[in-house]
N, C-alpha and C. Protein backbone atom coordinates (compact mmCIF):
# COMPACT_ATOMS: atom_id res chain seq x y z
N MET A 1 -3.09 -5.50 -8.04
CA MET A 1 -1.81 -5.39 -8.38
C MET A 1 -1.54 -6.79 -9.06
N ILE A 2 -2.02 -7.79 -8.46
CA ILE A 2 -1.82 -9.06 -9.17
C ILE A 2 -2.00 -8.92 -10.87
N LYS A 3 -3.10 -8.88 -11.00
CA LYS A 3 -3.71 -8.47 -12.25
C LYS A 3 -2.66 -7.67 -13.39
N LYS A 4 -2.28 -6.41 -12.78
CA LYS A 4 -1.29 -5.81 -13.50
C LYS A 4 0.11 -6.38 -13.53
N ALA A 5 0.73 -7.64 -12.57
CA ALA A 5 1.79 -8.31 -13.05
C ALA A 5 1.60 -9.13 -14.05
N ILE A 6 0.47 -9.70 -13.81
CA ILE A 6 -0.08 -10.91 -14.85
C ILE A 6 0.32 -10.07 -16.50
N GLU A 7 -0.46 -9.27 -16.34
CA GLU A 7 -0.55 -8.30 -17.92
C GLU A 7 0.92 -7.99 -18.03
N LEU A 8 1.80 -7.52 -17.17
CA LEU A 8 3.20 -7.31 -17.44
C LEU A 8 3.94 -8.76 -17.84
N LEU A 9 3.53 -9.98 -17.56
CA LEU A 9 4.27 -10.72 -17.48
C LEU A 9 3.81 -11.44 -19.22
N GLY A 10 2.67 -11.09 -19.51
CA GLY A 10 2.26 -11.50 -21.02
C GLY A 10 2.37 -12.84 -21.07
N LYS A 11 2.93 -13.44 -22.08
CA LYS A 11 3.49 -14.87 -22.52
C LYS A 11 4.95 -15.00 -22.61
N ASN A 12 5.63 -14.42 -21.98
CA ASN A 12 7.03 -14.19 -21.96
C ASN A 12 7.12 -15.48 -20.80
N LYS A 13 7.97 -16.57 -21.33
CA LYS A 13 8.08 -17.86 -20.62
C LYS A 13 9.20 -17.48 -19.36
N ASN A 14 10.42 -16.40 -19.96
CA ASN A 14 11.35 -16.43 -19.19
C ASN A 14 10.52 -15.56 -17.86
N LEU A 15 9.89 -14.34 -18.10
CA LEU A 15 9.55 -13.82 -17.30
C LEU A 15 8.50 -14.49 -15.98
N HIS A 16 7.50 -15.46 -16.78
CA HIS A 16 6.66 -16.34 -15.85
C HIS A 16 7.83 -16.99 -15.19
N GLY A 17 8.82 -17.57 -15.52
CA GLY A 17 9.62 -18.56 -14.79
C GLY A 17 10.15 -17.42 -13.51
N LEU A 18 10.51 -16.46 -13.59
CA LEU A 18 11.32 -15.60 -13.00
C LEU A 18 10.01 -15.44 -11.41
N PHE A 19 8.69 -15.47 -11.95
CA PHE A 19 7.41 -15.08 -11.09
C PHE A 19 7.39 -16.12 -10.41
N ILE A 20 7.19 -17.29 -10.72
CA ILE A 20 7.20 -18.83 -10.33
C ILE A 20 7.86 -18.70 -9.02
N ASN A 21 9.26 -18.78 -9.77
CA ASN A 21 10.27 -18.92 -8.84
C ASN A 21 9.94 -18.14 -7.51
N SER A 22 9.89 -16.88 -7.78
CA SER A 22 9.61 -15.80 -6.37
C SER A 22 7.93 -16.62 -5.85
N LEU A 23 7.40 -17.14 -6.52
CA LEU A 23 6.15 -17.74 -5.59
C LEU A 23 6.91 -19.08 -4.51
N SER A 24 7.73 -19.69 -5.32
CA SER A 24 8.26 -20.75 -4.88
C SER A 24 9.03 -20.43 -3.56
N VAL A 25 9.70 -19.19 -3.62
CA VAL A 25 10.24 -18.85 -2.21
C VAL A 25 9.58 -18.46 -1.16
N LEU A 26 8.13 -17.95 -1.65
CA LEU A 26 7.58 -17.89 -0.32
C LEU A 26 6.83 -18.60 -0.06
N GLU A 27 6.70 -19.84 -0.51
CA GLU A 27 6.31 -21.46 -0.11
C GLU A 27 7.64 -21.89 0.52
N PHE A 28 8.56 -21.37 0.43
CA PHE A 28 9.85 -22.17 0.95
C PHE A 28 10.21 -21.26 2.26
N ALA A 29 9.82 -20.21 2.24
CA ALA A 29 10.04 -19.51 3.56
C ALA A 29 8.89 -19.29 4.36
N GLY A 30 7.60 -19.69 3.94
CA GLY A 30 6.75 -20.19 4.93
C GLY A 30 7.08 -21.39 5.68
N ALA A 31 7.29 -22.53 5.02
CA ALA A 31 8.02 -23.52 5.46
C ALA A 31 9.05 -23.55 6.71
N ARG A 32 10.22 -22.65 6.10
CA ARG A 32 10.93 -22.13 7.05
C ARG A 32 10.57 -21.70 8.35
N LYS A 33 9.89 -20.78 8.19
CA LYS A 33 9.20 -20.36 9.20
C LYS A 33 8.50 -21.00 10.47
N ILE A 34 7.85 -21.96 9.96
CA ILE A 34 7.03 -22.75 10.90
C ILE A 34 8.24 -23.69 11.73
N ILE A 35 8.98 -24.35 10.76
CA ILE A 35 10.07 -24.84 11.78
C ILE A 35 10.92 -24.26 12.50
N LYS A 36 11.30 -22.85 12.30
CA LYS A 36 12.25 -21.97 13.35
C LYS A 36 11.26 -21.41 14.63
N SER A 37 10.02 -21.44 14.01
CA SER A 37 9.33 -20.77 15.30
C SER A 37 8.74 -21.89 16.36
N GLN A 38 8.40 -23.13 15.97
CA GLN A 38 7.77 -24.03 16.45
C GLN A 38 9.02 -24.93 17.23
N LYS A 39 8.61 -25.16 18.70
CA LYS A 39 9.59 -26.32 19.56
C LYS A 39 9.46 -27.71 18.97
N ALA A 40 10.46 -28.36 18.94
CA ALA A 40 10.23 -29.75 18.73
C ALA A 40 9.06 -30.50 19.36
N GLU A 41 9.18 -30.16 20.80
CA GLU A 41 7.74 -31.08 21.35
C GLU A 41 6.65 -30.69 21.35
N ASN A 42 6.43 -29.79 20.58
CA ASN A 42 5.14 -29.06 20.09
C ASN A 42 4.60 -29.68 18.75
N ILE A 43 5.55 -29.87 18.04
CA ILE A 43 5.16 -30.46 16.55
C ILE A 43 4.57 -31.73 16.61
N ASP A 44 3.30 -31.90 15.91
CA ASP A 44 2.61 -33.19 15.88
C ASP A 44 2.33 -33.41 14.41
N SER A 45 1.52 -34.22 14.26
CA SER A 45 1.60 -34.68 12.82
C SER A 45 0.94 -33.98 11.88
N GLU A 46 -0.05 -32.71 12.34
CA GLU A 46 -0.64 -32.11 11.41
C GLU A 46 0.00 -30.94 11.25
N VAL A 47 0.95 -30.52 12.02
CA VAL A 47 2.05 -29.44 11.73
C VAL A 47 3.25 -30.04 10.71
N LEU A 48 3.66 -31.37 11.25
CA LEU A 48 4.42 -32.19 10.14
C LEU A 48 3.82 -32.41 8.63
N SER A 49 2.58 -32.36 8.49
CA SER A 49 2.18 -32.39 7.50
C SER A 49 2.00 -31.16 6.81
N HIS A 50 1.72 -29.77 7.76
CA HIS A 50 1.85 -28.89 6.87
C HIS A 50 3.25 -27.97 6.10
N ILE A 51 4.05 -28.41 7.15
CA ILE A 51 5.48 -28.37 6.76
C ILE A 51 5.78 -28.94 5.47
N SER A 52 5.74 -30.07 5.32
CA SER A 52 5.90 -31.37 3.98
C SER A 52 5.07 -30.50 2.87
N GLU A 53 3.87 -30.23 3.06
CA GLU A 53 3.05 -29.61 2.07
C GLU A 53 3.73 -28.31 1.56
N GLU A 54 4.15 -27.41 2.46
CA GLU A 54 4.50 -26.25 1.94
C GLU A 54 6.18 -26.61 1.25
N ILE A 55 6.79 -27.47 1.59
CA ILE A 55 7.97 -27.96 0.93
C ILE A 55 7.59 -28.22 -0.26
N ARG A 56 6.80 -29.07 -0.74
CA ARG A 56 6.39 -29.82 -1.65
C ARG A 56 6.01 -28.56 -2.58
N HIS A 57 4.94 -27.68 -2.16
CA HIS A 57 4.36 -26.73 -3.01
C HIS A 57 5.80 -25.84 -3.40
N ALA A 58 6.75 -25.42 -2.78
CA ALA A 58 7.86 -24.66 -3.29
C ALA A 58 8.74 -25.52 -4.34
N ARG A 59 8.49 -26.94 -4.11
CA ARG A 59 9.18 -27.61 -5.17
C ARG A 59 8.32 -28.05 -6.44
N VAL A 60 7.05 -27.95 -6.44
CA VAL A 60 6.40 -27.85 -7.46
C VAL A 60 6.39 -26.44 -8.15
N LEU A 61 6.59 -25.62 -7.59
CA LEU A 61 6.90 -23.99 -8.25
C LEU A 61 7.92 -24.00 -8.87
N LYS A 62 8.94 -24.52 -8.21
CA LYS A 62 10.51 -24.42 -8.56
C LYS A 62 10.62 -25.44 -9.94
N ASN A 63 10.01 -26.42 -9.90
CA ASN A 63 10.28 -27.12 -11.02
C ASN A 63 9.47 -26.62 -12.53
N ILE A 64 8.22 -25.98 -12.18
CA ILE A 64 7.59 -25.18 -13.20
C ILE A 64 8.48 -23.98 -13.56
N ALA A 65 9.19 -23.36 -12.51
CA ALA A 65 10.33 -22.27 -13.19
C ALA A 65 11.20 -22.76 -13.66
N LEU A 66 11.81 -23.93 -13.58
CA LEU A 66 12.74 -24.67 -14.28
C LEU A 66 12.57 -24.74 -15.66
N LYS A 67 11.23 -25.21 -15.81
CA LYS A 67 10.86 -25.69 -17.13
C LYS A 67 10.45 -24.69 -17.97
N MET A 68 10.00 -23.43 -17.35
CA MET A 68 9.80 -22.19 -18.14
C MET A 68 11.28 -21.46 -18.57
N SER A 69 12.31 -21.76 -17.88
CA SER A 69 13.48 -21.09 -17.82
C SER A 69 14.28 -21.96 -18.79
N ASP A 70 14.22 -23.25 -19.02
CA ASP A 70 15.34 -24.26 -19.70
C ASP A 70 15.87 -24.60 -18.63
N GLY A 71 15.90 -24.48 -17.35
CA GLY A 71 16.46 -25.04 -16.17
C GLY A 71 17.61 -23.99 -15.97
N LYS A 72 17.29 -22.52 -16.23
CA LYS A 72 18.48 -21.49 -15.81
C LYS A 72 17.91 -21.01 -14.20
N LEU A 73 16.76 -21.10 -13.93
CA LEU A 73 16.33 -20.67 -12.88
C LEU A 73 16.47 -22.02 -11.51
N SER A 74 17.70 -22.20 -11.25
CA SER A 74 18.37 -23.00 -10.36
C SER A 74 18.32 -22.89 -8.83
N SER A 75 18.28 -21.69 -8.53
CA SER A 75 18.38 -21.25 -7.01
C SER A 75 17.34 -19.98 -7.06
N TYR A 76 17.52 -19.65 -5.46
CA TYR A 76 16.99 -18.62 -4.84
C TYR A 76 17.56 -17.26 -4.98
N LYS A 77 18.82 -17.37 -5.94
CA LYS A 77 19.50 -16.33 -5.91
C LYS A 77 18.94 -14.91 -6.52
N LYS A 78 19.38 -13.62 -6.07
CA LYS A 78 18.48 -12.59 -6.37
C LYS A 78 18.07 -12.67 -8.02
N ILE A 79 19.48 -13.21 -8.76
CA ILE A 79 19.10 -13.06 -10.14
C ILE A 79 18.04 -13.80 -10.75
N HIS A 80 17.71 -14.96 -9.81
CA HIS A 80 16.47 -15.87 -10.41
C HIS A 80 15.48 -15.53 -9.67
N LEU A 81 15.13 -14.29 -9.43
CA LEU A 81 13.74 -14.11 -8.67
C LEU A 81 13.20 -12.68 -9.23
N LEU A 82 11.87 -12.12 -8.90
CA LEU A 82 11.69 -10.97 -9.26
C LEU A 82 11.42 -10.48 -7.78
N ALA A 83 12.01 -9.32 -7.46
CA ALA A 83 11.46 -8.84 -6.09
C ALA A 83 12.04 -9.80 -5.02
N GLY A 84 13.15 -10.15 -5.11
CA GLY A 84 13.48 -11.21 -3.93
C GLY A 84 13.55 -10.90 -2.50
N ASP A 85 14.01 -9.52 -2.58
CA ASP A 85 14.02 -9.04 -0.98
C ASP A 85 12.59 -8.68 -0.96
N GLU A 86 11.93 -8.01 -1.62
CA GLU A 86 10.53 -7.97 -1.01
C GLU A 86 9.87 -9.28 -0.68
N ALA A 87 9.90 -10.24 -1.28
CA ALA A 87 9.27 -11.43 -1.06
C ALA A 87 9.44 -11.74 0.14
N TRP A 88 11.10 -12.13 0.70
CA TRP A 88 11.33 -12.38 2.33
C TRP A 88 10.68 -11.44 3.30
N ASN A 89 10.89 -9.76 2.68
CA ASN A 89 10.28 -9.06 3.86
C ASN A 89 8.86 -9.08 3.66
N TYR A 90 7.97 -9.77 2.89
CA TYR A 90 6.59 -9.89 2.91
C TYR A 90 6.22 -10.66 3.96
N ILE A 91 6.98 -11.84 4.00
CA ILE A 91 6.91 -12.93 5.31
C ILE A 91 7.05 -12.20 6.25
N GLN A 92 8.17 -11.63 6.62
CA GLN A 92 9.03 -11.39 7.81
C GLN A 92 8.12 -10.27 8.28
N THR A 93 7.18 -9.18 7.79
CA THR A 93 6.12 -8.34 8.10
C THR A 93 5.25 -9.03 8.45
N VAL A 94 4.69 -9.64 7.95
CA VAL A 94 3.36 -10.28 8.45
C VAL A 94 3.79 -11.12 9.91
N ASP A 95 4.78 -11.88 9.79
CA ASP A 95 4.79 -12.38 11.25
C ASP A 95 5.45 -11.79 12.29
N HIS A 96 6.20 -10.95 11.95
CA HIS A 96 6.70 -9.67 12.95
C HIS A 96 5.40 -8.72 13.79
N SER A 97 4.54 -8.64 12.75
CA SER A 97 3.36 -7.64 13.23
C SER A 97 2.58 -8.43 13.96
N ILE A 98 2.56 -9.68 13.98
CA ILE A 98 1.69 -10.82 14.72
C ILE A 98 2.35 -10.99 16.07
N ALA A 99 3.76 -11.02 16.13
CA ALA A 99 4.56 -11.40 16.92
C ALA A 99 4.32 -10.02 17.90
N LYS A 100 4.09 -8.68 17.55
CA LYS A 100 4.28 -7.55 18.60
C LYS A 100 2.69 -7.54 19.33
N GLU A 101 1.83 -8.17 18.79
CA GLU A 101 0.42 -7.71 19.26
C GLU A 101 0.38 -8.49 20.71
N PHE A 102 1.20 -9.89 20.73
CA PHE A 102 0.84 -10.07 21.80
C PHE A 102 2.19 -9.81 23.07
N GLU A 103 1.90 -9.98 24.18
CA GLU A 103 2.53 -9.14 25.55
C GLU A 103 3.42 -10.49 25.62
N THR A 104 2.77 -11.60 25.42
CA THR A 104 4.02 -12.51 25.74
C THR A 104 4.19 -13.37 24.85
N SER A 105 5.30 -14.39 24.33
CA SER A 105 5.80 -15.14 23.30
C SER A 105 4.35 -16.18 23.00
N GLN A 106 3.79 -15.99 21.70
CA GLN A 106 2.85 -16.91 21.59
C GLN A 106 3.00 -17.61 20.20
N PRO A 107 4.02 -18.41 20.41
CA PRO A 107 4.48 -19.13 19.18
C PRO A 107 3.56 -19.92 18.25
N TRP A 108 2.59 -20.54 19.09
CA TRP A 108 1.48 -21.38 18.34
C TRP A 108 0.52 -20.36 17.47
N LEU A 109 0.03 -19.52 18.44
CA LEU A 109 -0.94 -18.49 17.49
C LEU A 109 -0.36 -17.62 16.78
N ASN A 110 0.95 -17.03 16.60
CA ASN A 110 1.66 -16.94 15.75
C ASN A 110 1.64 -17.43 14.57
N TYR A 111 1.97 -18.90 14.49
CA TYR A 111 2.08 -19.69 13.34
C TYR A 111 0.76 -19.73 12.94
N LEU A 112 -0.40 -19.75 13.42
CA LEU A 112 -1.69 -19.81 13.16
C LEU A 112 -1.84 -18.66 12.36
N TYR A 113 -1.78 -17.40 12.69
CA TYR A 113 -2.10 -16.89 12.29
C TYR A 113 -1.43 -16.09 11.09
N THR A 114 0.08 -16.14 11.16
CA THR A 114 1.06 -16.03 9.72
C THR A 114 0.62 -16.93 8.72
N THR A 115 0.11 -18.42 9.18
CA THR A 115 -0.33 -19.24 8.11
C THR A 115 -1.69 -18.87 7.17
N LEU A 116 -2.65 -18.42 8.10
CA LEU A 116 -3.96 -18.02 7.60
C LEU A 116 -3.87 -16.90 6.92
N LEU A 117 -2.89 -16.18 7.18
CA LEU A 117 -3.11 -14.55 6.30
C LEU A 117 -2.17 -14.99 5.25
N ILE A 118 -1.27 -15.68 4.96
CA ILE A 118 -0.79 -16.05 3.93
C ILE A 118 -1.03 -17.00 2.90
N GLU A 119 -2.12 -17.87 3.82
CA GLU A 119 -2.96 -18.95 3.01
C GLU A 119 -4.44 -18.24 2.40
N GLU A 120 -4.67 -17.28 2.60
CA GLU A 120 -5.83 -16.41 2.46
C GLU A 120 -5.28 -15.72 1.10
N ARG A 121 -4.06 -15.38 1.39
CA ARG A 121 -3.39 -14.45 0.02
C ARG A 121 -3.21 -15.39 -1.03
N ALA A 122 -2.90 -16.71 -0.94
CA ALA A 122 -2.56 -17.50 -1.88
C ALA A 122 -3.98 -18.10 -2.45
N MET A 123 -5.05 -18.20 -1.72
CA MET A 123 -6.06 -18.65 -2.53
C MET A 123 -6.78 -17.33 -3.28
N LYS A 124 -6.16 -16.07 -2.96
CA LYS A 124 -6.72 -15.06 -3.99
C LYS A 124 -5.65 -15.13 -5.43
N VAL A 125 -4.40 -15.62 -4.93
CA VAL A 125 -3.39 -15.43 -6.28
C VAL A 125 -3.66 -16.66 -6.89
N TYR A 126 -3.43 -17.83 -6.17
CA TYR A 126 -3.31 -19.12 -7.19
C TYR A 126 -4.27 -19.30 -8.28
N PRO A 127 -5.77 -19.22 -7.80
CA PRO A 127 -6.47 -19.37 -8.90
C PRO A 127 -7.02 -18.54 -10.16
N LEU A 128 -6.35 -17.45 -9.91
CA LEU A 128 -6.22 -16.53 -10.87
C LEU A 128 -5.04 -16.62 -11.55
N TYR A 129 -4.05 -17.23 -11.15
CA TYR A 129 -2.67 -17.39 -12.09
C TYR A 129 -3.20 -18.60 -12.81
N SER A 130 -3.49 -19.77 -12.20
CA SER A 130 -3.97 -21.09 -12.73
C SER A 130 -4.26 -20.81 -13.68
N GLU A 131 -5.40 -19.87 -14.13
CA GLU A 131 -5.90 -19.65 -15.47
C GLU A 131 -4.64 -19.12 -16.88
N VAL A 132 -3.91 -18.60 -16.16
CA VAL A 132 -2.64 -18.08 -17.13
C VAL A 132 -1.78 -19.33 -17.22
N LEU A 133 -1.63 -20.03 -16.17
CA LEU A 133 -0.64 -21.01 -16.70
C LEU A 133 -1.36 -22.22 -17.46
N GLU A 134 -2.47 -22.37 -17.43
CA GLU A 134 -3.02 -23.40 -18.27
C GLU A 134 -2.49 -23.15 -19.65
N GLU A 135 -2.44 -21.94 -20.34
CA GLU A 135 -1.82 -21.83 -21.60
C GLU A 135 -0.60 -22.22 -21.85
N PHE A 136 0.51 -22.70 -20.84
CA PHE A 136 1.38 -23.09 -20.69
C PHE A 136 1.31 -24.91 -20.50
N GLY A 137 0.05 -25.21 -19.86
CA GLY A 137 0.09 -26.58 -19.57
C GLY A 137 0.29 -26.91 -18.05
N PHE A 138 0.82 -25.95 -17.26
CA PHE A 138 0.88 -26.25 -15.65
C PHE A 138 0.00 -25.86 -14.92
N ALA A 139 -1.47 -25.55 -15.27
CA ALA A 139 -2.29 -25.08 -14.61
C ALA A 139 -3.02 -26.39 -13.51
N SER A 140 -3.11 -27.76 -13.65
CA SER A 140 -2.86 -28.47 -12.69
C SER A 140 -2.47 -28.94 -11.77
N SER A 141 -0.88 -28.50 -11.79
CA SER A 141 -0.11 -28.40 -10.60
C SER A 141 -0.67 -27.27 -9.67
N LEU A 142 -0.89 -25.99 -9.96
CA LEU A 142 -1.57 -24.89 -9.35
C LEU A 142 -3.08 -25.60 -8.80
N LYS A 143 -3.72 -25.90 -9.14
CA LYS A 143 -5.31 -26.68 -8.79
C LYS A 143 -5.10 -27.78 -7.63
N GLY A 144 -4.16 -28.52 -7.79
CA GLY A 144 -3.74 -29.80 -6.63
C GLY A 144 -3.29 -28.62 -5.17
N MET A 145 -2.48 -27.73 -5.59
CA MET A 145 -1.99 -26.98 -4.50
C MET A 145 -3.14 -26.11 -3.75
N ILE A 146 -4.11 -25.67 -4.48
CA ILE A 146 -5.34 -24.78 -3.76
C ILE A 146 -5.94 -25.58 -3.28
N ILE A 147 -6.51 -26.91 -3.46
CA ILE A 147 -7.09 -27.71 -2.56
C ILE A 147 -6.44 -27.91 -1.37
N GLU A 148 -5.15 -27.87 -1.14
CA GLU A 148 -4.20 -28.16 0.12
C GLU A 148 -4.23 -27.22 0.87
N GLU A 149 -4.21 -25.69 0.37
CA GLU A 149 -4.08 -24.46 0.80
C GLU A 149 -5.57 -24.26 1.58
N GLU A 150 -6.99 -24.63 1.00
CA GLU A 150 -8.08 -24.63 1.43
C GLU A 150 -8.05 -25.38 3.02
N ASN A 151 -7.55 -26.75 2.82
CA ASN A 151 -7.59 -27.28 4.25
C ASN A 151 -6.68 -26.74 5.01
N HIS A 152 -5.58 -26.56 4.66
CA HIS A 152 -5.02 -25.37 5.44
C HIS A 152 -5.54 -23.84 6.29
N LEU A 153 -6.39 -23.37 5.70
CA LEU A 153 -7.28 -22.53 6.04
C LEU A 153 -8.16 -22.87 7.14
N SER A 154 -9.06 -23.90 6.71
CA SER A 154 -9.69 -24.71 7.45
C SER A 154 -8.86 -25.28 9.28
N PHE A 155 -8.00 -25.74 8.89
CA PHE A 155 -7.29 -26.12 10.51
C PHE A 155 -7.05 -24.81 10.89
N THR A 156 -6.40 -23.81 10.32
CA THR A 156 -6.13 -22.51 11.27
C THR A 156 -7.21 -21.84 11.46
N ARG A 157 -8.28 -21.69 11.02
CA ARG A 157 -9.42 -20.73 11.11
C ARG A 157 -9.75 -21.50 12.59
N LYS A 158 -10.03 -23.18 12.37
CA LYS A 158 -10.70 -23.78 13.67
C LYS A 158 -9.87 -23.53 15.33
N HIS A 159 -8.24 -23.71 14.69
CA HIS A 159 -7.22 -23.28 16.21
C HIS A 159 -7.48 -22.13 16.81
N ILE A 160 -7.48 -21.10 15.42
CA ILE A 160 -7.39 -19.85 16.07
C ILE A 160 -8.65 -19.06 16.70
N LEU A 161 -9.93 -19.62 16.45
CA LEU A 161 -11.18 -19.68 17.14
C LEU A 161 -11.26 -19.91 18.60
N GLU A 162 -10.67 -21.41 18.50
CA GLU A 162 -10.63 -22.02 20.00
C GLU A 162 -9.27 -21.40 20.84
N GLY A 163 -8.46 -20.71 20.26
CA GLY A 163 -7.51 -20.16 20.96
C GLY A 163 -7.18 -18.74 21.38
N ASP A 164 -7.97 -17.92 20.63
CA ASP A 164 -8.01 -16.55 20.98
C ASP A 164 -9.39 -16.05 20.89
N PRO A 165 -9.62 -15.42 21.88
CA PRO A 165 -11.12 -14.96 21.94
C PRO A 165 -11.34 -13.61 21.26
N GLN A 166 -9.94 -12.96 21.20
CA GLN A 166 -9.81 -11.62 20.47
C GLN A 166 -9.46 -11.62 18.84
N SER A 167 -9.83 -12.94 18.36
CA SER A 167 -9.37 -13.45 17.01
C SER A 167 -10.08 -12.35 15.94
N GLU A 168 -11.45 -12.29 15.95
CA GLU A 168 -11.98 -11.04 15.03
C GLU A 168 -11.40 -9.80 14.84
N ARG A 169 -10.62 -9.18 16.22
CA ARG A 169 -10.40 -7.96 16.26
C ARG A 169 -9.01 -7.72 15.93
N ARG A 170 -8.32 -8.76 16.24
CA ARG A 170 -6.93 -9.04 15.87
C ARG A 170 -6.58 -9.39 14.41
N LEU A 171 -7.80 -9.90 13.46
CA LEU A 171 -7.30 -10.24 12.41
C LEU A 171 -7.84 -9.46 11.37
N ASP A 172 -8.86 -8.49 11.68
CA ASP A 172 -8.78 -7.08 10.96
C ASP A 172 -7.29 -6.48 10.73
N LYS A 173 -7.11 -6.60 11.96
CA LYS A 173 -5.58 -5.72 12.10
C LYS A 173 -4.67 -6.26 11.11
N PHE A 174 -4.42 -7.74 11.10
CA PHE A 174 -3.40 -8.44 10.67
C PHE A 174 -3.57 -8.16 9.22
N ARG A 175 -4.72 -8.21 8.84
CA ARG A 175 -5.22 -8.41 7.27
C ARG A 175 -4.85 -7.32 6.71
N LYS A 176 -5.06 -6.00 7.45
CA LYS A 176 -4.76 -4.86 6.86
C LYS A 176 -3.05 -4.94 6.77
N VAL A 177 -2.11 -5.26 7.55
CA VAL A 177 -0.75 -5.37 7.42
C VAL A 177 -0.10 -6.33 6.30
N GLU A 178 -1.13 -7.38 6.17
CA GLU A 178 -0.83 -8.33 5.32
C GLU A 178 -0.68 -7.74 3.94
N GLY A 179 -2.01 -7.03 3.70
CA GLY A 179 -2.61 -6.65 2.44
C GLY A 179 -1.35 -5.39 2.00
N GLU A 180 -0.80 -4.71 2.92
CA GLU A 180 -0.04 -3.57 2.46
C GLU A 180 1.26 -4.06 2.48
N ALA A 181 1.68 -5.28 3.06
CA ALA A 181 2.96 -6.24 2.84
C ALA A 181 3.11 -6.65 1.49
N PHE A 182 1.75 -6.93 0.99
CA PHE A 182 1.66 -7.87 -0.26
C PHE A 182 1.76 -6.86 -1.38
N GLU A 183 0.89 -5.70 -1.20
CA GLU A 183 1.12 -4.63 -2.34
C GLU A 183 2.36 -4.32 -2.52
N LYS A 184 2.98 -4.03 -1.44
CA LYS A 184 4.61 -3.84 -1.59
C LYS A 184 5.21 -4.41 -2.40
N PHE A 185 5.25 -6.03 -2.09
CA PHE A 185 5.96 -6.77 -2.83
C PHE A 185 5.58 -6.68 -4.13
N MET A 186 4.10 -6.96 -4.55
CA MET A 186 3.49 -6.86 -5.94
C MET A 186 4.04 -5.50 -6.70
N SER A 187 4.27 -4.48 -6.02
CA SER A 187 4.38 -3.12 -6.58
C SER A 187 6.18 -3.34 -7.04
N SER A 188 6.94 -3.90 -6.28
CA SER A 188 8.14 -4.12 -6.71
C SER A 188 8.35 -4.93 -7.83
N VAL A 189 7.79 -6.28 -7.55
CA VAL A 189 7.76 -7.33 -8.79
C VAL A 189 7.07 -6.37 -10.25
N CYS A 190 6.04 -5.65 -10.01
CA CYS A 190 5.81 -4.90 -11.24
C CYS A 190 6.66 -4.14 -11.97
N THR A 191 7.59 -3.33 -10.75
CA THR A 191 8.64 -2.24 -11.36
C THR A 191 9.69 -3.13 -11.84
N GLU A 192 10.04 -4.51 -11.44
CA GLU A 192 11.54 -5.15 -11.97
C GLU A 192 10.57 -5.33 -13.43
N LEU A 193 9.24 -6.01 -13.74
CA LEU A 193 8.90 -6.65 -14.76
C LEU A 193 9.20 -5.38 -15.90
N SER A 194 8.54 -4.25 -15.54
CA SER A 194 8.49 -3.19 -16.43
C SER A 194 10.19 -2.81 -17.12
N ILE A 195 11.14 -2.67 -16.15
CA ILE A 195 12.53 -2.55 -16.36
C ILE A 195 12.76 -3.81 -17.37
N LEU A 196 12.38 -4.97 -17.03
CA LEU A 196 13.05 -6.28 -18.01
C LEU A 196 12.28 -6.10 -19.23
N LYS A 197 11.21 -5.55 -19.09
CA LYS A 197 10.25 -5.61 -20.46
C LYS A 197 10.89 -4.45 -21.21
N ASN A 198 11.21 -3.41 -20.72
CA ASN A 198 11.88 -2.51 -21.65
C ASN A 198 13.36 -2.64 -21.95
N LYS A 199 13.98 -3.27 -20.97
CA LYS A 199 15.45 -3.77 -21.60
C LYS A 199 15.27 -4.71 -22.83
N ASN A 200 14.08 -5.74 -22.96
CA ASN A 200 14.17 -6.45 -23.89
C ASN A 200 13.85 -5.97 -24.72
N SER A 201 12.89 -5.22 -24.88
CA SER A 201 12.56 -3.96 -26.10
C SER A 201 13.27 -3.45 -26.89
N SER A 202 14.08 -2.77 -25.72
CA SER A 202 15.63 -2.04 -26.35
C SER A 202 16.49 -3.05 -27.37
N GLN A 203 16.54 -4.26 -26.46
CA GLN A 203 17.26 -4.93 -27.38
C GLN A 203 16.88 -5.45 -28.60
N ASP A 204 15.55 -5.38 -28.76
CA ASP A 204 14.81 -6.11 -30.22
C ASP A 204 14.85 -5.01 -31.23
N ASP A 205 14.89 -3.47 -30.61
CA ASP A 205 14.93 -2.60 -31.33
C ASP A 205 16.48 -2.56 -32.21
N ALA A 206 17.29 -2.56 -31.25
CA ALA A 206 18.64 -2.60 -31.52
C ALA A 206 19.16 -3.55 -32.81
N CYS A 207 18.48 -5.11 -32.54
CA CYS A 207 18.62 -5.99 -33.38
C CYS A 207 18.05 -5.41 -34.48
N ALA A 208 16.85 -5.04 -34.65
CA ALA A 208 16.22 -4.67 -35.76
C ALA A 208 16.70 -3.51 -36.80
N GLN A 209 17.08 -2.51 -36.41
CA GLN A 209 18.08 -1.85 -36.95
C GLN A 209 19.33 -2.43 -37.27
N HIS A 210 19.90 -3.26 -36.53
CA HIS A 210 21.13 -3.63 -37.58
C HIS A 210 21.05 -4.69 -38.39
N ILE A 211 19.66 -5.26 -38.63
CA ILE A 211 19.41 -5.77 -39.33
C ILE A 211 19.03 -4.81 -40.66
């Protein structure tokens, strides 16, 4: 589905700006989720580092979106995003599905699993999309983020294996939920892109007829 979205985005900077702003909100939502899920007494240097990197990733993507849109995509309002509601729902679906798996509250494992799944998704999307952004001169920004996402994956895998003897079984289940949630998000992105492209095409045709 990501390849279809990239095809629909084409070389339209405004559409890319909307999509990148949606990626930014996912990074922001991830950081927000970490802060809300972890008690202050349990937050160590590694978790703080993860939070700060997620916020920085959100900012990097936001700055690209601003440049793509000549400064117009200044917020996370719906009109500044593609499938904004589904972006938030994606994070919530993954997080809630993990929480339901445990009989008692397990905020640490919940954080680890949610992080792992979302970082795995990022490692599928960002390398592919960085090739597209190379045409606009922003590929290096994503490449730096990819290195940090790899570090997050190593951290979460290590702690999941140490903290949950049923991790293999649970990961199979969680990955299926995450995959379905991401496809739903991307399906909404593609639908909105198609609507916007058709609208722009109709406007172009009207202008041509007027001329």
